[in-house]
C-alpha atoms as a PDB file:
ATOM      1  CA  MET A   1      53.778 117.520-121.124  1.00  0.00           C
ATOM      2  CA  ALA A   2      50.417 117.567-120.495  1.00  0.00           C
ATOM      3  CA  THR A   3      49.697 114.485-121.222  1.00  0.00           C
ATOM      4  CA  CYS A   4      52.028 113.683-118.477  1.00  0.00           C
ATOM      5  CA  MET A   5      50.297 115.369-116.469  1.00  0.00           C
ATOM      6  CA  LYS A   6      46.817 114.050-117.067  1.00  0.00           C
ATOM      7  CA  ALA A   7      48.183 110.772-116.526  1.00  0.00           C
ATOM      8  CA  PHE A   8      49.751 112.206-113.388  1.00  0.00           C
ATOM      9  CA  ARG A   9      46.901 113.149-111.438  1.00  0.00           C
ATOM     10  CA  LEU A  10      44.587 110.047-112.472  1.00  0.00           C
ATOM     11  CA  CYS A  11      46.681 108.226-110.735  1.00  0.00           C
ATOM     12  CA  SER A  12      46.912 110.399-107.627  1.00  0.00           C
ATOM     13  CA  LEU A  13      43.058 109.952-108.127  1.00  0.00           C
ATOM     14  CA  THR A  14      43.613 105.913-108.380  1.00  0.00           C
ATOM     15  CA  ARG A  15      42.983 103.853-105.027  1.00  0.00           C
ATOM     16  CA  GLY A  16      46.396 101.852-103.243  1.00  0.00           C
ATOM     17  CA  THR A  17      48.472 102.985-106.348  1.00  0.00           C
ATOM     18  CA  HIS A  18      51.739 104.434-105.583  1.00  0.00           C
ATOM     19  CA  CYS A  19      54.494 106.706-107.631  1.00  0.00           C
ATOM     20  CA  MET A  20      57.700 106.032-108.230  1.00  0.00           C
ATOM     21  CA  GLY A  21      59.134 109.491-108.944  1.00  0.00           C
ATOM     22  CA  GLY A  22      56.151 110.716-110.893  1.00  0.00           C
ATOM     23  CA  ILE A  23      55.772 107.332-112.767  1.00  0.00           C
ATOM     24  CA  PRO A  24      52.641 105.978-112.487  1.00  0.00           C
ATOM     25  CA  LEU A  25      52.546 102.361-112.744  1.00  0.00           C
ATOM     26  CA  VAL A  26      49.127 101.244-113.985  1.00  0.00           C
ATOM     27  CA  LYS A  27      47.866 100.876-117.536  1.00  0.00           C
ATOM     28  CA  HIS A  28      46.353 104.099-119.693  1.00  0.00           C
ATOM     29  CA  ALA A  29      45.086 104.090-122.893  1.00  0.00           C
ATOM     30  CA  ARG A  30      45.857 107.853-123.004  1.00  0.00           C
ATOM     31  CA  ALA A  31      49.295 106.965-121.731  1.00  0.00           C
ATOM     32  CA  PRO A  32      52.619 106.393-123.658  1.00  0.00           C
ATOM     33  CA  LEU A  33      53.592 102.681-124.525  1.00  0.00           C
ATOM     34  CA  ILE A  34      56.778 103.771-122.319  1.00  0.00           C
ATOM     35  CA  LEU A  35      54.835 104.463-119.312  1.00  0.00           C
ATOM     36  CA  GLN A  36      52.496 101.585-120.109  1.00  0.00           C
ATOM     37  CA  GLN A  37      54.312  98.825-117.132  1.00  0.00           C
ATOM     38  CA  GLN A  38      53.155  95.902-115.710  1.00  0.00           C
ATOM     39  CA  SER A  39      52.772  95.473-112.241  1.00  0.00           C
ATOM     40  CA  MET A  40      54.769  92.773-110.701  1.00  0.00           C
ATOM     41  CA  LYS A  41      52.457  89.215-109.830  1.00  0.00           C
ATOM     42  CA  LYS A  42      54.996  87.074-109.555  1.00  0.00           C
ATOM     43  CA  HIS A  43      56.492  85.281-105.342  1.00  0.00           C
ATOM     44  CA  LYS A  44      59.235  87.412-105.090  1.00  0.00           C
ATOM     45  CA  THR A  45      61.404  84.108-103.923  1.00  0.00           C
ATOM     46  CA  ILE A  46      61.032  81.087-106.819  1.00  0.00           C
ATOM     47  CA  ARG A  47      61.804  78.287-104.775  1.00  0.00           C
ATOM     48  CA  TRP A  48      58.342  76.464-104.425  1.00  0.00           C
ATOM     49  CA  ARG A  49      57.230  77.555-108.146  1.00  0.00           C
ATOM     50  CA  LYS A  50      56.613  74.345-109.327  1.00  0.00           C
ATOM     51  CA  GLU A  51      54.681  73.580-105.887  1.00  0.00           C
ATOM     52  CA  ARG A  52      52.460  76.493-106.458  1.00  0.00           C
ATOM     53  CA  ALA A  53      51.493  75.681-110.821  1.00  0.00           C
ATOM     54  CA  ASN A  54      50.294  72.761-109.232  1.00  0.00           C
ATOM     55  CA  LYS A  55      48.046  74.123-106.590  1.00  0.00           C
ATOM     56  CA  TYR A  56      45.731  74.431-109.263  1.00  0.00           C
ATOM     57  CA  TYR A  57      44.210  71.561-111.514  1.00  0.00           C
ATOM     58  CA  LYS A  58      42.009  71.352-114.871  1.00  0.00           C
ATOM     59  CA  VAL A  59      39.314  69.376-113.927  1.00  0.00           C
ATOM     60  CA  ASP A  60      37.184  67.365-117.075  1.00  0.00           C
ATOM     61  CA  LEU A  61      33.580  67.820-116.755  1.00  0.00           C
ATOM     62  CA  PRO A  62      31.328  64.643-117.699  1.00  0.00           C
ATOM     63  CA  ASP A  63      29.082  64.900-120.278  1.00  0.00           C
ATOM     64  CA  PHE A  64      25.574  64.867-118.763  1.00  0.00           C
ATOM     65  CA  ASN A  65      23.805  64.012-122.246  1.00  0.00           C
ATOM     66  CA  GLU A  66      26.635  61.177-121.991  1.00  0.00           C
ATOM     67  CA  ILE A  67      25.737  60.047-118.586  1.00  0.00           C
ATOM     68  CA  LYS A  68      21.547  59.897-119.198  1.00  0.00           C
ATOM     69  CA  LYS A  69      22.006  58.054-122.167  1.00  0.00           C
ATOM     70  CA  ARG A  70      24.037  55.265-121.154  1.00  0.00           C
ATOM     71  CA  GLU A  71      20.486  54.712-118.457  1.00  0.00           C
ATOM     72  CA  THR A  72      19.843  53.155-121.611  1.00  0.00           C
ATOM     73  CA  PHE A  73      21.336  50.972-122.017  1.00  0.00           C
ATOM     74  CA  THR A  74      20.401  47.048-122.867  1.00  0.00           C
ATOM     75  CA  PRO A  75      23.042  44.975-120.497  1.00  0.00           C
ATOM     76  CA  ASP A  76      24.920  43.657-123.962  1.00  0.00           C
ATOM     77  CA  GLU A  77      25.501  47.757-125.049  1.00  0.00           C
ATOM     78  CA  ARG A  78      26.256  48.271-121.783  1.00  0.00           C
ATOM     79  CA  ARG A  79      28.786  45.437-121.334  1.00  0.00           C
ATOM     80  CA  ILE A  80      30.186  46.842-125.159  1.00  0.00           C
ATOM     81  CA  TRP A  81      30.997  50.407-123.902  1.00  0.00           C
ATOM     82  CA  MET A  82      32.259  48.849-120.860  1.00  0.00           C
ATOM     83  CA  LYS A  83      34.572  47.047-122.681  1.00  0.00           C
ATOM     84  CA  LYS A  84      35.989  49.539-125.653  1.00  0.00           C
ATOM     85  CA  GLU A  85      36.331  52.420-122.314  1.00  0.00           C
ATOM     86  CA  GLY A  86      38.648  49.383-120.788  1.00  0.00           C
ATOM     87  CA  ILE A  87      36.476  49.816-117.517  1.00  0.00           C
ATOM     88  CA  CYS A  88      36.315  45.849-116.066  1.00  0.00           C
ATOM     89  CA  GLN A  89      32.680  44.789-114.959  1.00  0.00           C
ATOM     90  CA  PRO A  90      31.887  44.340-112.400  1.00  0.00           C
ATOM     91  CA  ARG A  91      30.538  40.813-110.594  1.00  0.00           C
ATOM     92  CA  THR A  92      27.179  40.352-107.629  1.00  0.00           C
ATOM     93  CA  PHE A  93      29.510  37.450-105.385  1.00  0.00           C
ATOM     94  CA  THR A  94      26.939  36.185-103.386  1.00  0.00           C
ATOM     95  CA  ARG A  95      28.367  33.570-100.762  1.00  0.00           C
ATOM     96  CA  PRO A  96      26.853  30.382-101.371  1.00  0.00           C
ATOM     97  CA  MET A  97      24.407  28.293 -98.428  1.00  0.00           C
ATOM     98  CA  TYR A  98      24.478  24.794 -97.776  1.00  0.00           C
ATOM     99  CA  ILE A  99      22.061  23.244 -95.722  1.00  0.00           C
ATOM    100  CA  SER A 100      22.945  19.950 -94.868  1.00  0.00           C
ATOM    101  CA  ASN A 101      20.045  19.189 -92.438  1.00  0.00           C
ATOM    102  CA  THR A 102      17.246  20.330 -90.616  1.00  0.00           C
ATOM    103  CA  ASN A 103      17.607  21.328 -86.114  1.00  0.00           C
ATOM    104  CA  SER A 104      14.222  19.712 -85.218  1.00  0.00           C
ATOM    105  CA  VAL A 105      11.743  17.113 -86.210  1.00  0.00           C
ATOM    106  CA  PHE A 106       8.891  17.697 -88.383  1.00  0.00           C
ATOM    107  CA  GLU A 107       5.502  16.783 -87.274  1.00  0.00           C
ATOM    108  CA  PRO A 108       7.149  13.969 -84.273  1.00  0.00           C
ATOM    109  CA  TYR A 109       5.521  10.532 -83.944  1.00  0.00           C
ATOM    110  CA  ILE A 110       3.990   9.897 -80.620  1.00  0.00           C
ATOM    111  CA  PRO A 111       4.441   6.191 -79.781  1.00  0.00           C
ATOM    112  CA  PRO A 112       1.627   4.431 -78.333  1.00  0.00           C
ATOM    113  CA  GLU A 113       1.410   3.445 -74.701  1.00  0.00           C
ATOM    114  CA  GLY A 114       2.510   0.464 -74.120  1.00  0.00           C
ATOM    115  CA  ASP A 115       4.274  -0.593 -77.466  1.00  0.00           C
ATOM    116  CA  GLY A 116       6.571  -4.094 -77.422  1.00  0.00           C
ATOM    117  CA  LYS A 117       4.901  -5.620 -74.342  1.00  0.00           C
ATOM    118  CA  ALA A 118       0.806  -5.412 -75.426  1.00  0.00           C
ATOM    119  CA  SER A 119      -0.411  -7.828 -78.251  1.00  0.00           C
ATOM    120  CA  SER A 120      -2.510  -7.208 -81.124  1.00  0.00           C
ATOM    121  CA  LEU A 121      -5.080  -8.754 -79.420  1.00  0.00           C
ATOM    122  CA  SER A 122      -5.712  -7.561 -76.060  1.00  0.00           C
ATOM    123  CA  LYS A 123      -6.860  -3.567 -75.937  1.00  0.00           C
ATOM    124  CA  GLU A 124      -3.455  -2.080 -75.903  1.00  0.00           C
ATOM    125  CA  GLY A 125      -3.096  -3.829 -79.184  1.00  0.00           C
ATOM    126  CA  ALA A 126      -6.393  -2.855 -80.941  1.00  0.00           C
ATOM    127  CA  GLY A 127      -5.703   0.827 -79.532  1.00  0.00           C
ATOM    128  CA  GLU A 128      -2.013   1.016 -81.566  1.00  0.00           C
ATOM    129  CA  ARG A 129      -3.189  -0.172 -84.563  1.00  0.00           C
ATOM    130  CA  PHE A 130      -6.342   2.091 -84.830  1.00  0.00           C
ATOM    131  CA  THR A 131      -3.656   4.693 -84.200  1.00  0.00           C
ATOM    132  CA  GLU A 132      -1.072   3.938 -87.062  1.00  0.00           C
ATOM    133  CA  LEU A 133      -4.581   3.653 -89.022  1.00  0.00           C
ATOM    134  CA  LYS A 134      -5.357   6.948 -88.975  1.00  0.00           C
ATOM    135  CA  GLU A 135      -1.695   8.360 -89.785  1.00  0.00           C
ATOM    136  CA  LYS A 136      -1.271   6.452 -93.280  1.00  0.00           C
ATOM    137  CA  GLY A 137      -3.703   8.795 -94.660  1.00  0.00           C
ATOM    138  CA  LYS A 138      -1.278  11.209 -94.347  1.00  0.00           C
ATOM    139  CA  SER A 139       2.197   9.168 -94.644  1.00  0.00           C
ATOM    140  CA  TYR A 140       0.846   7.999 -98.368  1.00  0.00           C
ATOM    141  CA  LYS A 141       0.221  11.154 -99.076  1.00  0.00           C
ATOM    142  CA  GLU A 142       4.169  12.191 -97.777  1.00  0.00           C
ATOM    143  CA  LEU A 143       4.878   8.833 -99.368  1.00  0.00           C
ATOM    144  CA  ARG A 144       4.036   9.780-102.991  1.00  0.00           C
ATOM    145  CA  LYS A 145       5.925  13.774-102.421  1.00  0.00           C
ATOM    146  CA  ILE A 146       9.269  11.117-102.015  1.00  0.00           C
ATOM    147  CA  ARG A 147       8.743   9.398-104.954  1.00  0.00           C
ATOM    148  CA  GLN A 148       8.756  11.897-107.434  1.00  0.00           C
ATOM    149  CA  TYR A 149      12.804  12.993-106.404  1.00  0.00           C
ATOM    150  CA  GLU A 150      12.638   8.818-105.823  1.00  0.00           C
ATOM    151  CA  ASP A 151      10.820   6.746-108.509  1.00  0.00           C
ATOM    152  CA  ASN A 152      11.444   3.244-106.775  1.00  0.00           C
ATOM    153  CA  PHE A 153      11.731   3.970-103.188  1.00  0.00           C
ATOM    154  CA  ASP A 154       9.814   1.389-100.751  1.00  0.00           C
ATOM    155  CA  THR A 155       9.053   1.380 -97.721  1.00  0.00           C
ATOM    156  CA  THR A 156      10.210  -2.219 -96.490  1.00  0.00           C
ATOM    157  CA  SER A 157      13.812  -2.001 -98.003  1.00  0.00           C
ATOM    158  CA  PHE A 158      14.168   1.360 -96.410  1.00  0.00           C
ATOM    159  CA  ALA A 159      13.291  -0.228 -92.987  1.00  0.00           C
ATOM    160  CA  GLU A 160      16.707  -2.767 -93.527  1.00  0.00           C
ATOM    161  CA  LEU A 161      18.613   0.292 -94.815  1.00  0.00           C
ATOM    162  CA  ALA A 162      17.752   1.825 -91.424  1.00  0.00           C
ATOM    163  CA  ASN A 163      18.560  -0.747 -89.597  1.00  0.00           C
ATOM    164  CA  SER A 164      22.008  -1.631 -91.284  1.00  0.00           C
ATOM    165  CA  ILE A 165      22.551   2.367 -90.758  1.00  0.00           C
ATOM    166  CA  TYR A 166      21.430   2.177 -86.871  1.00  0.00           C
ATOM    167  CA  ILE A 167      24.393  -0.801 -85.801  1.00  0.00           C
ATOM    168  CA  GLU A 168      26.636   1.095 -88.109  1.00  0.00           C
ATOM    169  CA  THR A 169      26.794   4.358 -86.107  1.00  0.00           C
ATOM    170  CA  HIS A 170      25.672   2.255 -82.306  1.00  0.00           C
ATOM    171  CA  ASP A 171      29.639   0.364 -83.731  1.00  0.00           C
ATOM    172  CA  LEU A 172      31.096   2.930 -84.368  1.00  0.00           C
ATOM    173  CA  LEU A 173      30.938   4.964 -81.467  1.00  0.00           C
ATOM    174  CA  GLN A 174      33.001   2.783 -79.477  1.00  0.00           C
ATOM    175  CA  ASP A 175      35.502   4.457 -81.262  1.00  0.00           C
ATOM    176  CA  VAL A 176      34.322   8.157 -82.399  1.00  0.00           C
ATOM    177  CA  LYS A 177      37.731   9.906 -82.911  1.00  0.00           C
ATOM    178  CA  LYS A 178      38.658   7.409 -85.311  1.00  0.00           C
ATOM    179  CA  ASN A 179      35.919   6.955 -86.894  1.00  0.00           C
ATOM    180  CA  GLU A 180      34.822  10.833 -87.387  1.00  0.00           C
ATOM    181  CA  LYS A 181      34.365  11.043 -90.463  1.00  0.00           C
ATOM    182  CA  ARG A 182      32.200   7.343 -91.069  1.00  0.00           C
ATOM    183  CA  LEU A 183      30.034   9.030 -88.089  1.00  0.00           C
ATOM    184  CA  LEU A 184      28.928  12.590 -90.026  1.00  0.00           C
ATOM    185  CA  GLU A 185      27.701   9.743 -93.120  1.00  0.00           C
ATOM    186  CA  LEU A 186      25.361   8.402 -91.064  1.00  0.00           C
ATOM    187  CA  VAL A 187      24.112  11.135 -88.897  1.00  0.00           C
ATOM    188  CA  THR A 188      23.381  14.680 -89.196  1.00  0.00           C
ATOM    189  CA  GLU A 189      25.129  17.418 -87.687  1.00  0.00           C
ATOM    190  CA  LYS A 190      21.704  17.961 -85.094  1.00  0.00           C
ATOM    191  CA  VAL A 191      22.402  14.589 -83.582  1.00  0.00           C
ATOM    192  CA  TYR A 192      26.456  14.023 -83.487  1.00  0.00           C
ATOM    193  CA  PRO A 193      27.152  15.826 -80.164  1.00  0.00           C
ATOM    194  CA  GLU A 194      24.466  14.178 -78.666  1.00  0.00           C
ATOM    195  CA  MET A 195      25.398  10.787 -79.517  1.00  0.00           C
ATOM    196  CA  THR A 196      28.881  11.806 -79.044  1.00  0.00           C
ATOM    197  CA  PHE A 197      29.362  13.509 -74.994  1.00  0.00           C
ATOM    198  CA  GLY A 198      30.790  12.407 -72.541  1.00  0.00           C
ATOM    199  CA  LEU A 199      32.497   9.493 -75.252  1.00  0.00           C
ATOM    200  CA  ASP A 200      36.204  11.052 -74.972  1.00  0.00           C
ATOM    201  CA  ASN A 201      36.801  10.649 -71.222  1.00  0.00           C
ATOM    202  CA  LYS A 202      34.425   6.711 -71.171  1.00  0.00           C
ATOM    203  CA  THR A 203      34.573   3.240 -72.755  1.00  0.00           C
ATOM    204  CA  LEU A 204      31.734   2.178 -74.704  1.00  0.00           C
ATOM    205  CA  HIS A 205      30.832  -1.591 -75.248  1.00  0.00           C
ATOM    206  CA  TRP A 206      27.844  -2.275 -77.636  1.00  0.00           C
ATOM    207  CA  LYS A 207      26.946  -5.436 -79.080  1.00  0.00           C
ATOM    208  CA  PHE A 208      23.531  -6.027 -81.261  1.00  0.00           C
ATOM    209  CA  VAL A 209      22.528  -9.618 -80.897  1.00  0.00           C
ATOM    210  CA  GLU A 210      18.952 -10.145 -82.752  1.00  0.00           C
ATOM    211  CA  SER A 211      15.722  -8.216 -84.133  1.00  0.00           C
ATOM    212  CA  ILE A 212      13.222  -9.777 -82.165  1.00  0.00           C
ATOM    213  CA  GLU A 213      10.689  -7.937 -84.819  1.00  0.00           C
ATOM    214  CA  PRO A 214      11.514  -6.825 -88.307  1.00  0.00           C
ATOM    215  CA  PRO A 215      11.886  -2.760 -88.200  1.00  0.00           C
ATOM    216  CA  ARG A 216       9.102  -1.240 -90.046  1.00  0.00           C
ATOM    217  CA  VAL A 217       8.691   2.610 -91.523  1.00  0.00           C
ATOM    218  CA  VAL A 218       6.143   4.238 -89.214  1.00  0.00           C
ATOM    219  CA  HIS A 219       5.733   7.800 -89.478  1.00  0.00           C
ATOM    220  CA  ILE A 220       7.205  10.115 -92.668  1.00  0.00           C
ATOM    221  CA  ARG A 221       6.843  13.688 -93.321  1.00  0.00           C
ATOM    222  CA  THR A 222       8.305  15.871 -95.667  1.00  0.00           C
ATOM    223  CA  ASN A 223       8.850  19.636 -95.147  1.00  0.00           C
ATOM    224  CA  PRO A 224      10.067  23.044 -97.923  1.00  0.00           C
ATOM    225  CA  MET A 225      13.276  24.785 -96.815  1.00  0.00           C
ATOM    226  CA  ILE A 226      12.554  28.398 -97.371  1.00  0.00           C
ATOM    227  CA  THR A 227      12.425  27.614-101.354  1.00  0.00           C
ATOM    228  CA  LYS A 228       9.079  25.829-102.590  1.00  0.00           C
ATOM    229  CA  ASP A 229      11.313  23.047-104.139  1.00  0.00           C
ATOM    230  CA  ASN A 230      13.824  22.701-101.302  1.00  0.00           C
ATOM    231  CA  VAL A 231      12.521  19.883 -99.784  1.00  0.00           C
ATOM    232  CA  TYR A 232      13.543  17.276 -96.437  1.00  0.00           C
ATOM    233  CA  ALA A 233      12.226  14.057 -95.939  1.00  0.00           C
ATOM    234  CA  GLN A 234      11.869  12.517 -92.739  1.00  0.00           C
ATOM    235  CA  MET A 235      10.931   8.836 -91.548  1.00  0.00           C
ATOM    236  CA  THR A 236      10.608   7.224 -88.346  1.00  0.00           C
ATOM    237  CA  VAL A 237      11.517   3.964 -88.492  1.00  0.00           C
ATOM    238  CA  ARG A 238      10.256   0.764 -85.558  1.00  0.00           C
ATOM    239  CA  LEU A 239      13.577  -0.926 -84.128  1.00  0.00           C
ATOM    240  CA  HIS A 240      12.976  -3.537 -82.016  1.00  0.00           C
ATOM    241  CA  SER A 241      16.177  -5.506 -80.716  1.00  0.00           C
ATOM    242  CA  LYS A 242      18.155  -7.028 -78.378  1.00  0.00           C
ATOM    243  CA  GLN A 243      21.130  -5.499 -77.312  1.00  0.00           C
ATOM    244  CA  ILE A 244      24.665  -5.592 -74.849  1.00  0.00           C
ATOM    245  CA  LEU A 245      25.579  -1.745 -73.700  1.00  0.00           C
ATOM    246  CA  ALA A 246      28.063  -1.325 -71.110  1.00  0.00           C
ATOM    247  CA  LEU A 247      29.729   1.998 -69.636  1.00  0.00           C
ATOM    248  CA  TYR A 248      32.541   2.392 -68.080  1.00  0.00           C
ATOM    249  CA  ASP A 249      34.353   5.574 -67.248  1.00  0.00           C
ATOM    250  CA  ARG A 250      37.823   6.141 -67.168  1.00  0.00           C
ATOM    251  CA  PHE A 251      39.555   5.093 -64.284  1.00  0.00           C
ATOM    252  CA  GLY A 252      37.843   1.226 -65.773  1.00  0.00           C
ATOM    253  CA  ARG A 253      34.680   1.139 -63.552  1.00  0.00           C
ATOM    254  CA  LEU A 254      31.235   0.451 -64.922  1.00  0.00           C
ATOM    255  CA  MET A 255      28.741   2.955 -64.806  1.00  0.00           C
ATOM    256  CA  TYR A 256      26.136   1.790 -66.715  1.00  0.00           C
ATOM    257  CA  GLY A 257      25.151  -1.545 -68.076  1.00  0.00           C
ATOM    258  CA  SER A 258      26.844  -5.115 -68.148  1.00  0.00           C
ATOM    259  CA  GLU A 259      28.304  -6.854 -71.324  1.00  0.00           C
ATOM    260  CA  HIS A 260      26.913  -9.887 -70.020  1.00  0.00           C
ATOM    261  CA  LEU A 261      23.564  -9.090 -69.667  1.00  0.00           C
ATOM    262  CA  VAL A 262      21.470  -9.018 -72.759  1.00  0.00           C
ATOM    263  CA  LYS A 263      18.097  -6.552 -72.526  1.00  0.00           C
ATOM    264  CA  ASP A 264      14.863  -5.129 -75.208  1.00  0.00           C
ATOM    265  CA  VAL A 265      15.256  -2.697 -76.687  1.00  0.00           C
ATOM    266  CA  LEU A 266      12.584  -0.539 -78.919  1.00  0.00           C
ATOM    267  CA  ASP A 267      13.808   2.805 -80.914  1.00  0.00           C
ATOM    268  CA  TYR A 268      12.134   5.142 -82.946  1.00  0.00           C
ATOM    269  CA  VAL A 269      14.803   6.335 -84.781  1.00  0.00           C
ATOM    270  CA  VAL A 270      14.177   9.650 -87.373  1.00  0.00           C
ATOM    271  CA  PHE A 271      16.068   9.410 -90.714  1.00  0.00           C
ATOM    272  CA  GLU A 272      16.391  12.791 -92.377  1.00  0.00           C
ATOM    273  CA  LYS A 273      17.998  12.976 -96.034  1.00  0.00           C
ATOM    274  CA  HIS A 274      17.683  16.398 -98.554  1.00  0.00           C
ATOM    275  CA  ILE A 275      15.603  14.443-101.432  1.00  0.00           C
ATOM    276  CA  ALA A 276      15.912  17.813-103.633  1.00  0.00           C
ATOM    277  CA  SER A 277      19.506  17.220-103.110  1.00  0.00           C
ATOM    278  CA  VAL A 278      20.920  14.929-106.264  1.00  0.00           C
ATOM    279  CA  TYR A 279      23.970  13.521-103.534  1.00  0.00           C
ATOM    280  CA  GLY A 280      21.487  13.501-101.050  1.00  0.00           C
ATOM    281  CA  SER A 281      21.384  10.072 -98.316  1.00  0.00           C
ATOM    282  CA  TRP A 282      19.596   8.980 -95.119  1.00  0.00           C
ATOM    283  CA  ARG A 283      21.131   9.503 -92.152  1.00  0.00           C
ATOM    284  CA  MET A 284      20.007   8.839 -88.551  1.00  0.00           C
ATOM    285  CA  HIS A 285      18.237  12.952 -87.425  1.00  0.00           C
ATOM    286  CA  ALA A 286      17.414  12.437 -84.083  1.00  0.00           C
ATOM    287  CA  LYS A 287      15.793   9.599 -81.666  1.00  0.00           C
ATOM    288  CA  ILE A 288      11.801   9.801 -79.970  1.00  0.00           C
ATOM    289  CA  ILE A 289      12.031   9.062 -76.228  1.00  0.00           C
ATOM    290  CA  PRO A 290       8.141   8.849 -75.548  1.00  0.00           C
ATOM    291  CA  LYS A 291       6.673  10.532 -71.535  1.00  0.00           C
ATOM    292  CA  TRP A 292       5.491   7.299 -70.995  1.00  0.00           C
ATOM    293  CA  LEU A 293       8.715   5.497 -70.813  1.00  0.00           C
ATOM    294  CA  PRO A 294       9.879   5.009 -66.878  1.00  0.00           C
ATOM    295  CA  PRO A 295      13.494   6.212 -66.247  1.00  0.00           C
ATOM    296  CA  ARG A 296      16.614   4.953 -66.475  1.00  0.00           C
ATOM    297  CA  GLU A 297      18.448   3.521 -64.126  1.00  0.00           C
ATOM    298  CA  PRO A 298      21.661   6.515 -63.063  1.00  0.00           C
ATOM    299  CA  LEU A 299      25.028   6.515 -63.802  1.00  0.00           C
ATOM    300  CA  LEU A 300      27.401   4.918 -61.120  1.00  0.00           C
ATOM    301  CA  LYS A 301      30.457   7.605 -61.003  1.00  0.00           C
ATOM    302  CA  THR A 302      33.499   7.471 -59.158  1.00  0.00           C
ATOM    303  CA  TYR A 303      34.520  10.062 -56.645  1.00  0.00           C
ATOM    304  CA  ARG A 304      37.630  10.604 -54.741  1.00  0.00           C
ATOM    305  CA  LYS A 305      37.737   9.449 -50.646  1.00  0.00           C
ATOM    306  CA  PRO A 306      38.243  12.558 -48.520  1.00  0.00           C
ATOM    307  CA  ASN A 307      41.270  12.526 -45.556  1.00  0.00           C
ATOM    308  CA  LEU A 308      39.351  11.442 -42.356  1.00  0.00           C
ATOM    309  CA  ASN A 309      41.051  11.695 -39.223  1.00  0.00           C
ATOM    310  CA  LEU A 310      39.646   9.371 -37.504  1.00  0.00           C
ATOM    311  CA  GLU A 311      40.909  10.006 -34.270  1.00  0.00           C
ATOM    312  CA  GLU A 312      39.065  13.621 -34.634  1.00  0.00           C
ATOM    313  CA  ILE A 313      35.461  12.005 -35.528  1.00  0.00           C
ATOM    314  CA  ASP A 314      36.130   9.074 -32.750  1.00  0.00           C
ATOM    315  CA  ASP A 315      35.924  12.296 -30.605  1.00  0.00           C
ATOM    316  CA  ALA A 316      33.619  13.608 -31.864  1.00  0.00           C
ATOM    317  CA  GLU A 317      31.375  10.749 -31.426  1.00  0.00           C
ATOM    318  CA  ASP A 318      32.579  11.109 -27.687  1.00  0.00           C
ATOM    319  CA  LYS A 319      31.570  14.281 -26.721  1.00  0.00           C
ATOM    320  CA  GLU A 320      27.913  13.901 -28.696  1.00  0.00           C
ATOM    321  CA  LYS A 321      27.122  11.225 -26.442  1.00  0.00           C
ATOM    322  CA  THR A 322      28.458  12.491 -23.022  1.00  0.00           C
ATOM    323  CA  ASP A 323      25.969  15.920 -24.641  1.00  0.00           C
ATOM    324  CA  ASN A 324      23.123  13.641 -25.155  1.00  0.00           C
ATOM    325  CA  LYS A 325      23.196  11.695 -21.804  1.00  0.00           C
ATOM    326  CA  GLU A 326      23.187  14.838 -19.977  1.00  0.00           C
ATOM    327  CA  ASP A 327      20.967  16.507 -21.798  1.00  0.00           C
ATOM    328  CA  GLU A 328      18.895  13.196 -20.221  1.00  0.00           C
ATOM    329  CA  ASP A 329      19.743  13.246 -16.660  1.00  0.00           C
ATOM    330  CA  ASN A 330      18.913  17.064 -16.601  1.00  0.00           C
ATOM    331  CA  ASP A 331      15.277  15.864 -18.239  1.00  0.00           C
ATOM    332  CA  GLU A 332      14.840  13.605 -15.278  1.00  0.00           C
ATOM    333  CA  ILE A 333      15.839  16.349 -12.627  1.00  0.00           C
ATOM    334  CA  ASN A 334      13.178  18.210 -13.956  1.00  0.00           C
ATOM    335  CA  LYS A 335      10.798  15.384 -14.433  1.00  0.00           C
ATOM    336  CA  ALA A 336      10.706  15.044 -10.625  1.00  0.00           C
ATOM    337  CA  LEU A 337      10.935  18.697  -9.863  1.00  0.00           C
ATOM    338  CA  GLU A 338       7.594  18.412 -11.139  1.00  0.00           C
ATOM    339  CA  LYS A 339       6.270  15.195  -9.322  1.00  0.00           C
ATOM    340  CA  GLN A 340       7.302  17.395  -5.960  1.00  0.00           C
ATOM    341  CA  LYS A 341       5.540  20.618  -6.940  1.00  0.00           C
ATOM    342  CA  LYS A 342       2.029  18.815  -8.272  1.00  0.00           C
ATOM    343  CA  LYS A 343       2.738  16.320  -4.771  1.00  0.00           C
ATOM    344  CA  TYR A 344       3.283  19.482  -2.279  1.00  0.00           C
ATOM    345  CA  GLY A 345       1.674  22.855  -4.207  1.00  0.00           C
ATOM    346  CA  VAL A 346       4.929  24.367  -3.399  1.00  0.00           C
ATOM    347  CA  GLU A 347       7.342  26.010  -5.728  1.00  0.00           C
ATOM    348  CA  ILE A 348      10.994  24.542  -5.239  1.00  0.00           C
ATOM    349  CA  VAL A 349      13.363  27.196  -5.714  1.00  0.00           C
ATOM    350  CA  GLN A 350      17.268  25.417  -7.671  1.00  0.00           C
END
């Protein structure tokens, strides 16, 4: 009985504990086993028992010593470890970039003034030859760089090839939609939109008659792109020939040139090749237009005829004539009044 009274006093002194019928609900070392009753910690409803149990997860902490050791792995050891753990190796993917052509002309060739008209014996012709001799030194240096990629490269045979590309390209321009694929094999993506602009609504007739002078290479330049090994070469070819050109609009009316008129044409055409590529080919890249060249003839455009009311135009012309006649009469009256005023020295009131 004394032991029960001690347990009761301990129960009354404990904060937040309640007794039922004088029996304490807490453990005590001196209390008998009958009185050591566990407090209920479970929820009174068991509906969400499974969900409440899943609120807690066991977390496996990483082994930091092993992670530190993995940092010293060689690529082969890392590959073996990843294969053992069943981890897929990451692959670094870089999007391939292919530059088929450049967007400009390296050091464009400056044609001498009067080229194609002055003879070699005249003053202008001698000046042209002297200018070519100055540029030949640098062109030969660039030619040696091209021959590092093409051993048997020859400028004379290339000039003939350039002339054939020039003729075929202008022949294909007469039907752009049908020959689009072949055109892109002969010209670069830079000059293609410039050559085909507006031809979808027009009709082009072009014919090569003959060469006045044999084509020749006048300018050679090379330039690396991004890396030193990625080299592009450009050659300027002088083409002096006789051609026929006629351009018609969508209504079939002649806009420029004539199908019966043969003209002398002097062109400086730039050809480009990606010489570092095994599959590179020479293509037309640009045309050099000298500053001293006179402006070409304007295009004859077709306009819609406006609806004119001839009666209103005649009435407006008659009214304008009447107004002009009245103005002339008033001027004559004013001149007469001025004469009378000067003659008699009086002021005349109208």
